[in-house]
Amino acid sequence: MKAFFLLLPLLIINACNTAKTTTGSSPANETGLTENSTPSCPEGGTCTVEVLQNKQLVLKEDGIGALYPEITNGDNLVVVYTFFQKGPAGTVDGNYTETIHFEIPATLNELYKKDASLQDVTLLYEKQCYCKGEAGFYKVKNGTLQLTKTNGELHFNLQFTVDETSHKLSNISRAIQL
């Protein structure tokens, strides 16, 4: 009986494993999610990109003045690119995540933004880690974003820096099936 109670948590954890490559959509808010390790994905982690249709990014501030986005219903596309690196075994808070959020009009076919104009697409960088003083959301003010939409595919190339914190992502080049 003791062996059963010792093995039960292991069985539960093993049953919660997720797929490594996923593509999905729903008729109301078509959402696509893909995961892989591409050349623009830093070594030692996995990168995912998600395109949320009929959404918008709304910037908010919490009680201490920290910035955060809220994804709400809208008429645009919201792109969320995430780099995830698993922490060392046995650590609870060792995971490391960087996320890029931006919003584009659904009818847009081409886009080029540089430096301050990156805020026209609400370009945000997020860092989640056990790194005091660095975790949080930052507006991206330095870099370039090139984007084209053709034949049901969204191609984007983003090169950026965030002066307020260190980061592993700096160049993202992706093609996403819409």
Foldseek 3Di string as FASTA:
>chain_A
DVVCVVCVVVVVVVVPDDDQADFDADPPWGKTKGKDDDPLADPQWIKMKMKTAQWAWDWDADPVGAIDTDIGGHHKIKMKMKIKHDADPPDDFRIKMKIWIWIDGPPDFWDKDAFQCSCVGPIKIAIGGPDPPAGGIDGFRGWMKIWGDDPQKIWIWIAGDDPRHDDDRGIDTDIGGD
